């Protein structure tokens, strides 16, 4: 009889344990709506401030409904999409790293810095440019730069001299085919972006090192940090800086503002010239957080498909045009290994 009781108690314990395990498993299952879609209460998306934050917020507002609609086709019922513009490139990377952001539209340099907490999902494609040469003189001779219908997965960083006296003097030397020296550039006022910006800092540092054996750090107080490319061009127009570091099609983005907002009478193409061109840089990423509960393997596939499809629509094209993106294609972490090498070189040069 005692043996029977022990067997009965053991059996009950096993049944209860199994019930508890089933109960625990059900808590981990995704919440589903009445029509069987997986419910996500909120998706948080962060954009880096590579343009004026107000412009990015306005341009990306339609993305909220576009993403909801497209993800619904992939089996997801997203209740809210929250879009913010980070106070810096690093702020968006930190958000992905901490899991407070689910998705980040970030450049290669920021991705590499935060790849332990972020995973690259897509790389952007851009329209190619009419000029893609290593020589600053060639760019100056063939301006204005125009966009082509060719899709490109990389771009250049440019060092652009403005209408200040020193800016015009250095441009004149370049256009005469003279080789620049460190003495020519060290006393210029340079506008640079934060240290994770590929076009605004990392690749210009590599260019300075390859050309003069120096870095942005060697410019000392002549390296002036700008919080956005818009403010950098405003400084260039006013003569507060002589040179700025930026991405290859930035003058196309700033062309109207040059005269309408920054008070210049002549066009940006007349008043600016290149003094340097960097090696190609791999395009921006759409990355997701490794810490977010929303980012499951299934959701990553759905998001990848959704963004690729959105980028094919007219409304979607208008949204992603804020970053000069044309579309997206699947990416892998190894695509950005060269960027990681570039950052390591920069670290050693500091």
Protein backbone atom coordinates (compact mmCIF):
# COMPACT_ATOMS: atom_id res chain seq x y z
CA UNK A 1 0.00 0.00 0.00
CA UNK A 2 2.83 2.40 0.88
CA UNK A 3 4.52 1.54 -2.41
CA UNK A 4 1.28 2.35 -4.26
CA UNK A 5 1.01 5.73 -2.48
CA UNK A 6 4.59 6.61 -3.40
CA UNK A 7 3.91 5.72 -7.04
CA UNK A 8 0.71 7.82 -7.00
CA UNK A 9 2.47 10.83 -5.46
CA UNK A 10 5.32 10.56 -7.97
CA UNK A 11 2.85 10.38 -10.84
CA UNK A 12 0.98 13.45 -9.61
CA UNK A 13 4.26 15.34 -9.28
CA UNK A 14 5.15 14.48 -12.87
CA UNK A 15 1.74 15.66 -14.09
CA UNK A 16 2.05 18.94 -12.16
CA UNK A 17 5.58 19.49 -13.45
CA UNK A 18 4.44 18.91 -17.00
CA UNK A 19 1.60 21.37 -16.49
CA UNK A 20 3.97 23.98 -15.17
CA UNK A 21 6.29 23.49 -18.14
CA UNK A 22 3.39 23.90 -20.56
CA UNK A 23 2.31 27.02 -18.69
CA UNK A 24 5.80 28.50 -18.88
CA UNK A 25 5.99 27.75 -22.58
CA UNK A 26 2.71 29.50 -23.26
CA UNK A 27 4.02 32.69 -21.69
CA UNK A 28 6.84 32.77 -24.21
CA UNK A 29 4.50 32.42 -27.17
CA UNK A 30 3.93 35.60 -29.15
CA UNK A 31 0.68 37.42 -28.54
CA UNK A 32 -1.71 37.01 -31.48
CA UNK A 33 -4.57 39.18 -32.67
CA UNK A 34 -8.04 37.87 -33.53
CA UNK A 35 -7.07 37.29 -37.15
CA UNK A 36 -4.04 35.21 -36.18
CA UNK A 37 -1.38 37.87 -36.72
CA UNK A 38 1.47 38.24 -34.24
CA UNK A 39 0.92 41.41 -32.24
CA UNK A 40 3.70 43.91 -31.60
CA UNK A 41 2.62 46.78 -29.37
CA UNK A 42 5.39 49.16 -30.38
CA UNK A 43 8.31 49.25 -32.79
CA UNK A 44 10.96 51.84 -32.02
CA UNK A 45 13.03 53.15 -34.93
CA UNK A 46 16.01 55.47 -34.61
CA UNK A 47 17.53 57.62 -37.36
CA UNK A 48 20.96 59.24 -37.16
CA UNK A 49 21.10 63.06 -37.52
CA UNK A 50 23.02 63.19 -40.79
CA UNK A 51 20.54 65.83 -41.96
CA UNK A 52 18.49 68.37 -40.05
CA UNK A 53 16.47 66.38 -37.45
CA UNK A 54 13.25 68.24 -38.30
CA UNK A 55 13.64 67.26 -41.98
CA UNK A 56 14.13 63.61 -41.07
CA UNK A 57 11.10 63.57 -38.74
CA UNK A 58 8.86 65.11 -41.41
CA UNK A 59 10.15 62.92 -44.24
CA UNK A 60 9.86 59.65 -42.31
CA UNK A 61 6.37 60.21 -40.85
CA UNK A 62 4.68 58.20 -43.67
CA UNK A 63 6.95 55.25 -42.85
CA UNK A 64 4.81 54.49 -39.79
CA UNK A 65 1.73 53.46 -41.78
CA UNK A 66 3.74 52.01 -44.66
CA UNK A 67 5.52 49.69 -42.26
CA UNK A 68 2.32 48.70 -40.46
CA UNK A 69 0.62 47.86 -43.76
CA UNK A 70 3.54 45.90 -45.18
CA UNK A 71 4.24 43.98 -41.98
CA UNK A 72 0.54 43.08 -41.81
CA UNK A 73 1.03 41.24 -45.12
CA UNK A 74 3.85 39.33 -43.44
CA UNK A 75 1.65 38.28 -40.51
CA UNK A 76 2.39 41.03 -37.98
CA UNK A 77 -0.07 43.41 -36.35
CA UNK A 78 2.05 46.40 -35.27
CA UNK A 79 0.03 48.76 -33.08
CA UNK A 80 2.47 51.67 -32.91
CA UNK A 81 5.65 52.75 -34.71
CA UNK A 82 7.76 55.28 -32.83
CA UNK A 83 10.32 57.22 -34.90
CA UNK A 84 13.02 59.35 -33.30
CA UNK A 85 16.16 61.12 -34.49
CA UNK A 86 19.11 60.54 -32.21
CA UNK A 87 21.00 63.44 -30.68
CA UNK A 88 24.11 61.87 -32.22
CA UNK A 89 25.14 58.84 -34.28
CA UNK A 90 26.29 57.17 -31.07
CA UNK A 91 22.93 57.74 -29.38
CA UNK A 92 21.22 55.53 -31.98
CA UNK A 93 23.93 52.88 -31.63
CA UNK A 94 23.54 52.94 -27.84
CA UNK A 95 19.78 52.57 -28.24
CA UNK A 96 20.23 49.43 -30.33
CA UNK A 97 22.83 48.12 -27.91
CA UNK A 98 20.51 48.62 -24.95
CA UNK A 99 17.40 47.34 -26.71
CA UNK A 100 15.52 50.63 -26.28
CA UNK A 101 15.48 50.85 -30.09
CA UNK A 102 14.36 47.92 -32.22
CA UNK A 103 15.61 49.23 -35.56
CA UNK A 104 18.28 51.74 -36.49
CA UNK A 105 19.07 53.46 -39.78
CA UNK A 106 22.79 53.89 -39.18
CA UNK A 107 25.97 54.29 -41.27
CA UNK A 108 28.62 51.60 -41.54
CA UNK A 109 30.91 53.23 -38.99
CA UNK A 110 28.24 53.33 -36.32
CA UNK A 111 27.22 49.74 -37.06
CA UNK A 112 30.77 48.46 -36.66
CA UNK A 113 31.13 50.29 -33.36
CA UNK A 114 27.95 48.72 -31.98
CA UNK A 115 27.87 45.38 -33.82
CA UNK A 116 28.06 43.46 -30.51
CA UNK A 117 24.56 44.69 -29.70
CA UNK A 118 23.26 45.22 -33.23
CA UNK A 119 22.84 43.03 -36.29
CA UNK A 120 22.92 44.36 -39.85
CA UNK A 121 19.82 43.45 -41.84
CA UNK A 122 19.98 45.50 -45.04
CA UNK A 123 22.35 47.77 -46.88
CA UNK A 124 21.11 50.78 -48.78
CA UNK A 125 21.59 51.32 -52.47
CA UNK A 126 21.99 54.83 -53.84
CA UNK A 127 21.94 56.38 -57.25
CA UNK A 128 25.41 56.49 -58.67
CA UNK A 129 27.05 59.82 -59.46
CA UNK A 130 28.32 61.18 -62.75
CA UNK A 131 31.81 61.41 -61.22
CA UNK A 132 33.60 58.62 -59.37
CA UNK A 133 37.28 59.47 -59.50
CA UNK A 134 40.18 59.52 -57.02
CA UNK A 135 41.22 63.00 -58.19
CA UNK A 136 39.74 66.15 -56.64
CA UNK A 137 40.79 68.10 -59.75
CA UNK A 138 38.68 65.83 -61.97
CA UNK A 139 35.63 66.38 -59.77
CA UNK A 140 36.15 70.14 -59.99
CA UNK A 141 36.55 70.09 -63.77
CA UNK A 142 33.42 67.98 -64.28
CA UNK A 143 31.04 69.70 -61.84
CA UNK A 144 28.18 70.01 -61.22
CA UNK A 145 27.87 66.45 -60.01
CA UNK A 146 24.74 64.69 -61.22
CA UNK A 147 22.96 61.54 -60.15
CA UNK A 148 22.66 58.63 -62.57
CA UNK A 149 20.23 55.70 -62.72
CA UNK A 150 22.99 53.25 -61.81
CA UNK A 151 22.59 51.72 -58.36
CA UNK A 152 25.65 51.91 -56.13
CA UNK A 153 26.42 50.14 -52.87
CA UNK A 154 29.28 52.48 -51.96
CA UNK A 155 30.07 56.18 -52.01
CA UNK A 156 32.97 58.57 -51.50
CA UNK A 157 33.74 61.11 -48.81
CA UNK A 158 34.82 64.52 -50.05
CA UNK A 159 36.84 67.33 -48.54
CA UNK A 160 35.16 70.49 -49.87
CA UNK A 161 36.67 73.97 -49.73
CA UNK A 162 34.30 76.92 -49.42
CA UNK A 163 34.22 80.62 -50.35
CA UNK A 164 36.48 81.87 -47.56
CA UNK A 165 39.81 83.39 -48.65
CA UNK A 166 41.72 80.35 -47.42
CA UNK A 167 39.18 78.03 -49.03
CA UNK A 168 39.55 79.70 -52.41
CA UNK A 169 43.34 79.71 -52.14
CA UNK A 170 43.59 75.98 -51.45
CA UNK A 171 41.11 75.18 -54.25
CA UNK A 172 43.13 77.25 -56.70
CA UNK A 173 46.22 75.21 -55.90
CA UNK A 174 44.35 71.91 -56.43
CA UNK A 175 42.86 73.07 -59.73
CA UNK A 176 46.32 74.10 -60.92
CA UNK A 177 47.41 70.49 -60.45
CA UNK A 178 49.78 71.29 -57.57
CA UNK A 179 50.36 68.72 -54.87
CA UNK A 180 49.11 69.78 -51.45
CA UNK A 181 51.36 69.76 -48.39
CA UNK A 182 50.53 69.57 -44.70
CA UNK A 183 51.43 73.24 -44.39
CA UNK A 184 48.72 74.01 -46.95
CA UNK A 185 45.94 72.40 -44.91
CA UNK A 186 46.93 72.44 -41.23
CA UNK A 187 45.88 76.04 -40.59
CA UNK A 188 42.51 75.76 -42.35
CA UNK A 189 39.34 75.54 -40.29
CA UNK A 190 37.87 72.07 -40.85
CA UNK A 191 34.27 71.04 -40.15
CA UNK A 192 34.13 67.38 -39.10
CA UNK A 193 31.39 65.10 -37.81
CA UNK A 194 31.54 62.78 -34.80
CA UNK A 195 34.23 60.03 -34.80
CA UNK A 196 31.82 57.24 -35.91
CA UNK A 197 30.78 59.08 -39.09
CA UNK A 198 32.41 57.42 -42.13
CA UNK A 199 32.19 60.43 -44.47
CA UNK A 200 32.50 63.07 -41.79
CA UNK A 201 35.45 61.68 -39.83
CA UNK A 202 36.76 58.13 -40.36
CA UNK A 203 37.62 58.19 -44.06
CA UNK A 204 38.82 61.82 -44.04
CA UNK A 205 41.21 60.77 -41.27
CA UNK A 206 42.47 57.95 -43.48
CA UNK A 207 42.88 60.42 -46.36
CA UNK A 208 44.88 62.81 -44.19
CA UNK A 209 47.08 59.95 -43.06
CA UNK A 210 47.66 58.58 -46.53
CA UNK A 211 48.28 62.05 -47.99
CA UNK A 212 50.25 63.77 -45.23
CA UNK A 213 50.92 61.17 -42.54
CA UNK A 214 48.59 63.10 -40.22
CA UNK A 215 45.08 62.73 -38.75
CA UNK A 216 42.15 64.92 -37.78
CA UNK A 217 43.61 64.95 -34.26
CA UNK A 218 46.66 66.73 -35.68
CA UNK A 219 44.43 69.61 -36.77
CA UNK A 220 43.89 70.44 -33.09
CA UNK A 221 41.44 73.29 -32.53
CA UNK A 222 41.12 73.75 -36.29
CA UNK A 223 38.91 70.63 -36.36
CA UNK A 224 35.43 71.92 -35.51
CA UNK A 225 32.69 69.41 -34.66
CA UNK A 226 29.34 69.98 -36.42
CA UNK A 227 26.14 68.30 -35.22
CA UNK A 228 24.74 67.84 -38.74
CA UNK A 229 25.80 68.31 -42.35
CA UNK A 230 23.29 71.15 -42.63
CA UNK A 231 25.02 73.16 -39.93
CA UNK A 232 28.41 72.26 -41.48
CA UNK A 233 27.39 73.74 -44.84
CA UNK A 234 25.98 76.83 -43.12
CA UNK A 235 29.40 77.36 -41.51
CA UNK A 236 31.15 76.80 -44.83
CA UNK A 237 28.90 79.36 -46.52
CA UNK A 238 29.50 81.96 -43.80
CA UNK A 239 33.26 81.45 -43.82
CA UNK A 240 33.37 80.11 -40.25
CA UNK A 241 35.14 77.06 -41.70
CA UNK A 242 37.28 76.74 -44.81
CA UNK A 243 36.80 73.03 -45.51
CA UNK A 244 34.19 70.45 -44.59
CA UNK A 245 34.18 66.65 -44.72
CA UNK A 246 31.01 65.14 -46.14
CA UNK A 247 29.46 62.49 -48.40
CA UNK A 248 29.76 62.72 -52.19
CA UNK A 249 26.25 63.95 -53.07
CA UNK A 250 25.92 66.40 -50.17
CA UNK A 251 26.13 69.44 -52.44
CA UNK A 252 23.10 68.19 -54.34
CA UNK A 253 21.20 68.05 -51.03
CA UNK A 254 22.38 71.53 -50.03
CA UNK A 255 22.16 73.23 -53.44
CA UNK A 256 18.96 75.25 -52.80
CA UNK A 257 19.80 76.06 -49.19
CA UNK A 258 23.15 77.49 -50.25
CA UNK A 259 21.42 80.55 -51.71
CA UNK A 260 17.99 80.45 -50.06
CA UNK A 261 19.02 79.72 -46.45
CA UNK A 262 22.73 80.43 -46.16
CA UNK A 263 22.73 83.85 -47.84
CA UNK A 264 25.05 83.14 -50.77
CA UNK A 265 24.45 84.87 -54.10
CA UNK A 266 26.39 82.49 -56.34
CA UNK A 267 25.60 78.77 -56.63
CA UNK A 268 27.21 76.11 -54.46
CA UNK A 269 28.95 74.73 -57.57
CA UNK A 270 30.62 78.05 -58.29
CA UNK A 271 31.71 78.66 -54.70
CA UNK A 272 32.93 75.23 -53.63
CA UNK A 273 35.72 72.95 -54.85
CA UNK A 274 37.14 69.64 -53.74
CA UNK A 275 40.60 69.37 -52.24
CA UNK A 276 40.43 65.63 -51.53
CA UNK A 277 38.51 62.41 -52.31
CA UNK A 278 38.53 59.26 -50.16
CA UNK A 279 38.38 55.58 -51.08
CA UNK A 280 34.84 54.14 -51.53
CA UNK A 281 32.74 53.66 -48.38
CA UNK A 282 30.14 50.91 -47.99
CA UNK A 283 26.59 52.27 -47.76
CA UNK A 284 24.33 52.83 -44.74
CA UNK A 285 22.67 49.97 -42.93
CA UNK A 286 19.30 49.08 -41.53
CA UNK A 287 20.30 47.29 -38.35
CA UNK A 288 18.27 45.65 -35.60
CA UNK A 289 18.90 45.26 -31.90
CA UNK A 290 20.12 41.93 -30.55
CA UNK A 291 18.57 42.89 -27.19
CA UNK A 292 15.02 43.67 -28.36
CA UNK A 293 12.27 41.18 -27.55
CA UNK A 294 10.51 42.14 -30.78
CA UNK A 295 13.41 41.07 -32.99
CA UNK A 296 12.94 37.34 -33.56
CA UNK A 297 14.40 35.39 -36.50
CA UNK A 298 10.93 35.32 -38.08
CA UNK A 299 10.40 39.04 -37.60
CA UNK A 300 13.79 39.85 -39.13
CA UNK A 301 12.76 38.06 -42.32
CA UNK A 302 9.43 39.88 -42.35
CA UNK A 303 11.05 43.27 -41.73
CA UNK A 304 13.66 42.67 -44.40
CA UNK A 305 10.99 41.87 -46.98
CA UNK A 306 8.76 44.74 -45.84
CA UNK A 307 11.46 47.41 -46.21
CA UNK A 308 12.59 46.10 -49.58
CA UNK A 309 8.99 46.25 -50.82
CA UNK A 310 8.33 49.69 -49.30
CA UNK A 311 11.40 51.05 -51.09
CA UNK A 312 9.86 50.02 -54.43
CA UNK A 313 6.75 52.18 -53.92
CA UNK A 314 6.52 55.86 -54.82
CA UNK A 315 5.62 56.86 -51.26
CA UNK A 316 8.38 54.67 -49.87
CA UNK A 317 10.95 56.19 -52.22
CA UNK A 318 10.07 59.65 -50.90
CA UNK A 319 10.68 58.49 -47.33
CA UNK A 320 14.08 56.89 -47.86
CA UNK A 321 15.20 59.75 -50.11
CA UNK A 322 15.92 61.73 -46.92
CA UNK A 323 19.14 59.67 -46.69
CA UNK A 324 19.62 59.52 -50.48
CA UNK A 325 18.69 55.84 -50.35
CA UNK A 326 17.21 54.28 -53.49
CA UNK A 327 16.44 50.82 -52.19
CA UNK A 328 17.72 48.02 -49.97
CA UNK A 329 19.34 44.65 -50.38
CA UNK A 330 20.12 41.93 -47.82
CA UNK A 331 23.41 42.40 -45.99
CA UNK A 332 25.66 40.34 -43.78
CA UNK A 333 28.03 41.26 -41.00
CA UNK A 334 31.11 40.30 -43.04
CA UNK A 335 30.25 43.07 -45.55
CA UNK A 336 31.48 45.57 -42.98
CA UNK A 337 34.77 43.91 -42.07
CA UNK A 338 36.69 46.48 -44.13
CA UNK A 339 34.94 49.24 -42.23
CA UNK A 340 36.07 47.61 -38.99
CA UNK A 341 39.64 47.58 -40.29
CA UNK A 342 39.33 51.28 -41.13
CA UNK A 343 38.20 52.05 -37.59
CA UNK A 344 41.10 50.08 -36.15
CA UNK A 345 43.51 52.12 -38.25
CA UNK A 346 41.87 55.31 -37.04
CA UNK A 347 42.24 54.18 -33.42
CA UNK A 348 45.93 53.52 -33.93
CA UNK A 349 46.38 56.91 -35.56
CA UNK A 350 44.86 58.86 -32.67
